[in-house]
């Protein structure tokens, strides 16, 4: 039977007697060996893909990159023969010595449908990327280090809800050789009339597997699945995998709410590597390399 998809008849022996039971079972195969995006749902359409043989730039990639805003020293293409998907070129992000908490070296948009909802909003989105911190440890800010944002909701007048991935710390500024990942979801109920564009988001910590699996010195694959659900309902979904291991799953998130005109799916994203929240100053340079970045979805 192995990994072949299909329906099979299974004979169950009972107490080594002549009794038996003929049963049917549907077998769903695991992702193909070496699949670059092992948990991408079937039927998704590509939104963005970049192998970093060149720097992100205007009009060079699937779906286009609308703008870039960074110090040339902050993002650079470097060679790494160990890159697991599309070697040898990788994109290096640098958090420089002296960086103040809440700041970052810049950003690049990997998906831009701004102004809000003028493009195609996606109810479901899948993100996969390969990343490596090339040093033995990483100086993490007290809250953590933000990596990328997705925007959803939106009323067409500048209001957005954001989701973002964080190298989690939740303690004090320190060197870390391995980290958990937290996925923050700025939800409809995290809004009020005094801050229509505000709200810091709700952290969704690893709840299926709490092991610090994102490890310095090696390549890690991170996969994320988001379903924004339907307006006014707590039926949104977030799942996170690290090296094919499911570490996070929440199925009761309220992403959308008609009271705030947050009714649209995900419509933009950007790599914005902000070094944590308020407080602290970096005492050294730190780096992260990206081998491949891929986004797909279903409207």
Protein backbone atom coordinates (compact mmCIF):
# COMPACT_ATOMS: atom_id res chain seq x y z
CA UNK A 1 0.00 0.00 0.00
CA UNK A 2 2.78 2.41 0.95
CA UNK A 3 2.17 6.05 0.08
CA UNK A 4 -0.15 5.44 -2.87
CA UNK A 5 -3.43 7.34 -2.72
CA UNK A 6 -6.59 5.23 -2.95
CA UNK A 7 -9.04 2.95 -1.17
CA UNK A 8 -7.96 -0.48 0.10
CA UNK A 9 -9.54 -3.57 1.67
CA UNK A 10 -7.85 -4.44 4.98
CA UNK A 11 -8.16 -7.86 6.60
CA UNK A 12 -8.02 -7.75 10.42
CA UNK A 13 -7.19 -11.02 12.14
CA UNK A 14 -8.95 -11.52 15.48
CA UNK A 15 -7.37 -13.73 18.14
CA UNK A 16 -5.54 -15.70 15.45
CA UNK A 17 -8.78 -17.46 14.62
CA UNK A 18 -10.49 -17.84 11.31
CA UNK A 19 -12.65 -14.83 12.12
CA UNK A 20 -11.89 -11.77 10.06
CA UNK A 21 -13.21 -8.38 9.13
CA UNK A 22 -13.04 -6.86 5.67
CA UNK A 23 -12.86 -3.07 5.96
CA UNK A 24 -12.26 -0.15 3.63
CA UNK A 25 -9.94 2.77 4.40
CA UNK A 26 -9.05 5.86 2.40
CA UNK A 27 -5.34 6.63 2.51
CA UNK A 28 -4.11 10.16 1.85
CA UNK A 29 -0.44 10.24 0.88
CA UNK A 30 2.07 12.54 2.58
CA UNK A 31 3.61 15.39 0.58
CA UNK A 32 5.97 14.15 -2.14
CA UNK A 33 9.56 13.73 -0.90
CA UNK A 34 11.50 16.93 -1.36
CA UNK A 35 8.41 19.01 -2.09
CA UNK A 36 9.47 22.66 -1.79
CA UNK A 37 6.08 23.64 -0.33
CA UNK A 38 4.92 20.54 1.52
CA UNK A 39 1.82 22.01 3.19
CA UNK A 40 0.54 24.21 0.37
CA UNK A 41 -3.17 23.39 -0.10
CA UNK A 42 -4.24 22.04 -3.45
CA UNK A 43 -5.70 24.52 -5.89
CA UNK A 44 -3.80 27.59 -4.67
CA UNK A 45 -2.56 30.12 -7.23
CA UNK A 46 0.98 31.60 -6.98
CA UNK A 47 1.12 35.22 -5.81
CA UNK A 48 4.85 35.85 -5.38
CA UNK A 49 8.07 33.85 -5.75
CA UNK A 50 11.68 34.98 -5.45
CA UNK A 51 14.91 32.98 -5.53
CA UNK A 52 17.17 35.97 -4.70
CA UNK A 53 19.53 35.57 -7.58
CA UNK A 54 18.98 39.34 -7.66
CA UNK A 55 17.79 41.89 -5.13
CA UNK A 56 14.05 42.50 -4.89
CA UNK A 57 13.14 45.26 -7.30
CA UNK A 58 10.37 46.91 -9.24
CA UNK A 59 8.54 44.66 -11.67
CA UNK A 60 11.04 41.81 -11.53
CA UNK A 61 8.98 39.17 -9.78
CA UNK A 62 5.70 37.35 -10.00
CA UNK A 63 2.92 39.80 -9.06
CA UNK A 64 5.50 42.59 -9.00
CA UNK A 65 7.32 44.31 -6.19
CA UNK A 66 5.96 47.83 -6.07
CA UNK A 67 8.65 49.55 -4.06
CA UNK A 68 11.71 49.08 -1.95
CA UNK A 69 12.90 51.17 0.95
CA UNK A 70 16.17 50.16 2.53
CA UNK A 71 19.78 50.96 3.14
CA UNK A 72 21.88 49.17 0.47
CA UNK A 73 23.95 47.75 3.32
CA UNK A 74 20.87 46.29 5.00
CA UNK A 75 19.86 43.90 2.19
CA UNK A 76 22.46 42.23 0.01
CA UNK A 77 22.71 39.17 -2.23
CA UNK A 78 25.37 36.79 -0.89
CA UNK A 79 26.49 33.33 -1.94
CA UNK A 80 25.86 30.28 0.24
CA UNK A 81 26.36 26.86 -1.34
CA UNK A 82 24.41 25.25 1.50
CA UNK A 83 21.15 26.96 0.49
CA UNK A 84 18.70 24.02 0.29
CA UNK A 85 16.30 25.18 -2.44
CA UNK A 86 17.89 27.54 -4.97
CA UNK A 87 21.62 27.79 -4.25
CA UNK A 88 23.95 29.56 -4.19
CA UNK A 89 22.46 33.06 -4.03
CA UNK A 90 20.66 34.21 -0.88
CA UNK A 91 19.32 37.49 0.44
CA UNK A 92 21.00 38.72 3.62
CA UNK A 93 19.20 41.03 6.04
CA UNK A 94 21.39 42.94 8.52
CA UNK A 95 20.28 44.33 11.87
CA UNK A 96 23.17 46.70 12.64
CA UNK A 97 24.92 47.42 15.90
CA UNK A 98 23.18 50.41 17.49
CA UNK A 99 19.70 49.58 16.11
CA UNK A 100 17.08 50.88 18.54
CA UNK A 101 14.13 48.74 19.58
CA UNK A 102 11.10 49.23 17.32
CA UNK A 103 13.23 50.05 14.28
CA UNK A 104 14.50 48.05 11.32
CA UNK A 105 16.85 48.31 8.36
CA UNK A 106 14.08 48.80 5.80
CA UNK A 107 11.53 46.81 3.86
CA UNK A 108 10.63 45.31 0.52
CA UNK A 109 7.12 44.53 -0.67
CA UNK A 110 6.65 40.98 -1.89
CA UNK A 111 2.99 41.59 -2.67
CA UNK A 112 1.41 44.96 -3.26
CA UNK A 113 -2.21 45.56 -4.12
CA UNK A 114 -2.38 49.01 -2.54
CA UNK A 115 -4.37 51.15 -2.25
CA UNK A 116 -6.38 48.76 -0.14
CA UNK A 117 -8.48 46.10 -1.85
CA UNK A 118 -7.93 47.44 -5.37
CA UNK A 119 -6.24 44.14 -6.14
CA UNK A 120 -7.53 40.63 -5.52
CA UNK A 121 -8.08 39.89 -1.81
CA UNK A 122 -7.37 36.30 -0.84
CA UNK A 123 -9.37 34.52 1.85
CA UNK A 124 -6.65 31.88 2.16
CA UNK A 125 -2.91 32.46 1.94
CA UNK A 126 0.11 30.18 2.15
CA UNK A 127 3.68 31.41 2.78
CA UNK A 128 6.86 29.34 2.63
CA UNK A 129 10.42 30.53 3.06
CA UNK A 130 13.87 29.17 3.90
CA UNK A 131 15.89 31.15 6.42
CA UNK A 132 19.19 30.85 8.23
CA UNK A 133 20.82 32.92 10.95
CA UNK A 134 24.45 32.25 9.97
CA UNK A 135 25.88 32.89 13.44
CA UNK A 136 25.76 30.64 16.50
CA UNK A 137 23.27 32.94 18.21
CA UNK A 138 21.12 36.02 17.65
CA UNK A 139 20.68 39.07 19.85
CA UNK A 140 16.91 39.20 20.17
CA UNK A 141 15.01 42.22 21.42
CA UNK A 142 13.01 41.75 24.64
CA UNK A 143 9.72 41.16 22.81
CA UNK A 144 11.21 39.59 19.71
CA UNK A 145 12.12 40.40 16.11
CA UNK A 146 9.41 40.94 13.50
CA UNK A 147 10.04 39.50 10.04
CA UNK A 148 7.14 40.06 7.64
CA UNK A 149 3.63 41.49 7.52
CA UNK A 150 0.42 40.57 5.71
CA UNK A 151 -2.45 43.06 5.49
CA UNK A 152 -6.13 42.14 5.48
CA UNK A 153 -9.53 43.69 6.26
CA UNK A 154 -9.25 47.19 4.88
CA UNK A 155 -12.04 49.61 4.03
CA UNK A 156 -10.32 51.32 1.10
CA UNK A 157 -9.55 54.44 3.11
CA UNK A 158 -6.25 53.49 4.69
CA UNK A 159 -7.46 51.28 7.52
CA UNK A 160 -5.83 47.89 7.67
CA UNK A 161 -5.42 44.94 9.94
CA UNK A 162 -1.99 43.34 10.01
CA UNK A 163 -0.56 39.93 10.71
CA UNK A 164 3.12 39.41 11.36
CA UNK A 165 5.66 36.72 12.20
CA UNK A 166 8.02 37.20 15.16
CA UNK A 167 11.19 35.50 16.40
CA UNK A 168 9.76 35.26 19.89
CA UNK A 169 11.53 36.29 23.08
CA UNK A 170 8.96 37.65 25.55
CA UNK A 171 11.53 38.24 28.26
CA UNK A 172 14.63 40.44 28.23
CA UNK A 173 17.11 41.32 25.49
CA UNK A 174 19.49 38.37 25.18
CA UNK A 175 21.46 36.09 22.88
CA UNK A 176 19.43 33.11 21.67
CA UNK A 177 20.61 30.03 19.79
CA UNK A 178 17.06 28.81 19.15
CA UNK A 179 13.67 30.47 19.25
CA UNK A 180 9.96 29.86 19.09
CA UNK A 181 7.92 31.64 16.44
CA UNK A 182 4.89 33.74 17.35
CA UNK A 183 2.28 34.82 14.81
CA UNK A 184 0.52 38.05 15.74
CA UNK A 185 -3.00 38.66 14.45
CA UNK A 186 -4.47 42.17 14.64
CA UNK A 187 -8.11 41.27 14.82
CA UNK A 188 -11.36 43.17 14.32
CA UNK A 189 -12.08 43.26 18.05
CA UNK A 190 -8.66 44.85 18.62
CA UNK A 191 -10.05 48.13 17.28
CA UNK A 192 -12.10 51.00 18.66
CA UNK A 193 -13.24 54.41 17.46
CA UNK A 194 -10.20 56.16 18.95
CA UNK A 195 -7.64 54.11 17.04
CA UNK A 196 -9.16 52.98 13.74
CA UNK A 197 -5.74 52.00 12.40
CA UNK A 198 -4.26 50.91 15.72
CA UNK A 199 -4.07 47.80 17.79
CA UNK A 200 -0.89 45.90 18.48
CA UNK A 201 -2.24 42.48 17.64
CA UNK A 202 -2.74 39.28 19.59
CA UNK A 203 0.25 36.93 19.85
CA UNK A 204 -0.47 33.37 18.76
CA UNK A 205 2.25 31.34 20.41
CA UNK A 206 3.30 27.80 19.52
CA UNK A 207 0.58 25.64 21.04
CA UNK A 208 0.96 22.30 19.25
CA UNK A 209 4.71 21.89 19.67
CA UNK A 210 6.45 24.36 22.01
CA UNK A 211 10.00 23.28 21.15
CA UNK A 212 12.32 26.10 20.08
CA UNK A 213 12.75 24.66 16.60
CA UNK A 214 13.96 27.77 14.74
CA UNK A 215 17.69 27.24 15.26
CA UNK A 216 20.71 29.40 14.51
CA UNK A 217 23.47 28.11 12.24
CA UNK A 218 21.22 25.94 10.05
CA UNK A 219 18.58 26.41 7.39
CA UNK A 220 14.99 26.38 8.63
CA UNK A 221 11.86 26.15 6.50
CA UNK A 222 8.88 28.12 7.79
CA UNK A 223 5.39 27.56 6.38
CA UNK A 224 2.28 29.50 7.29
CA UNK A 225 -1.36 28.97 6.35
CA UNK A 226 -3.92 31.70 7.03
CA UNK A 227 -7.68 31.62 6.43
CA UNK A 228 -9.37 34.91 7.37
CA UNK A 229 -12.75 33.20 7.73
CA UNK A 230 -16.00 35.11 7.34
CA UNK A 231 -17.02 38.52 8.74
CA UNK A 232 -18.27 38.64 12.35
CA UNK A 233 -17.28 35.04 13.04
CA UNK A 234 -14.50 33.49 15.09
CA UNK A 235 -13.64 31.00 12.35
CA UNK A 236 -10.29 32.27 11.06
CA UNK A 237 -7.36 29.85 11.01
CA UNK A 238 -3.60 30.15 11.48
CA UNK A 239 -1.17 27.25 11.16
CA UNK A 240 2.63 27.40 11.34
CA UNK A 241 5.14 24.67 10.50
CA UNK A 242 8.89 24.67 11.15
CA UNK A 243 10.78 22.10 9.09
CA UNK A 244 7.47 20.34 8.27
CA UNK A 245 6.52 20.02 11.98
CA UNK A 246 3.21 21.67 12.91
CA UNK A 247 3.95 23.95 15.85
CA UNK A 248 0.96 26.32 15.86
CA UNK A 249 -2.74 25.90 15.14
CA UNK A 250 -5.60 28.25 16.00
CA UNK A 251 -9.04 27.83 14.44
CA UNK A 252 -11.12 30.44 16.30
CA UNK A 253 -9.72 33.81 15.21
CA UNK A 254 -11.99 36.73 14.32
CA UNK A 255 -10.13 38.49 11.51
CA UNK A 256 -13.11 40.32 9.94
CA UNK A 257 -15.94 42.50 11.24
CA UNK A 258 -18.53 44.51 9.31
CA UNK A 259 -18.75 47.05 12.16
CA UNK A 260 -15.25 48.25 11.20
CA UNK A 261 -15.59 47.68 7.45
CA UNK A 262 -12.98 44.94 7.78
CA UNK A 263 -14.45 42.53 5.26
CA UNK A 264 -11.67 41.83 2.78
CA UNK A 265 -9.14 39.03 2.59
CA UNK A 266 -5.36 39.40 2.51
CA UNK A 267 -4.18 41.80 -0.20
CA UNK A 268 -0.58 42.84 0.50
CA UNK A 269 2.63 41.79 2.23
CA UNK A 270 6.08 43.09 2.97
CA UNK A 271 9.35 41.91 4.47
CA UNK A 272 9.81 44.43 7.28
CA UNK A 273 12.44 43.08 9.71
CA UNK A 274 11.80 45.30 12.74
CA UNK A 275 13.95 44.62 15.77
CA UNK A 276 11.21 44.14 18.35
CA UNK A 277 9.07 46.64 20.20
CA UNK A 278 9.97 49.52 22.49
CA UNK A 279 13.25 49.46 24.38
CA UNK A 280 16.83 48.28 24.05
CA UNK A 281 19.68 48.89 21.63
CA UNK A 282 21.59 46.29 19.64
CA UNK A 283 25.18 45.74 20.76
CA UNK A 284 26.33 43.91 17.61
CA UNK A 285 25.46 43.19 13.98
CA UNK A 286 23.09 40.29 13.36
CA UNK A 287 22.07 38.62 10.11
CA UNK A 288 19.46 36.42 8.46
CA UNK A 289 19.68 34.83 5.02
CA UNK A 290 16.70 33.93 2.83
CA UNK A 291 17.06 31.19 0.24
CA UNK A 292 13.60 31.25 -1.31
CA UNK A 293 10.32 33.06 -0.64
CA UNK A 294 6.98 31.86 -1.97
CA UNK A 295 3.38 33.03 -1.48
CA UNK A 296 0.20 31.54 -2.90
CA UNK A 297 -3.51 31.78 -2.14
CA UNK A 298 -7.16 31.30 -2.98
CA UNK A 299 -9.58 34.26 -3.35
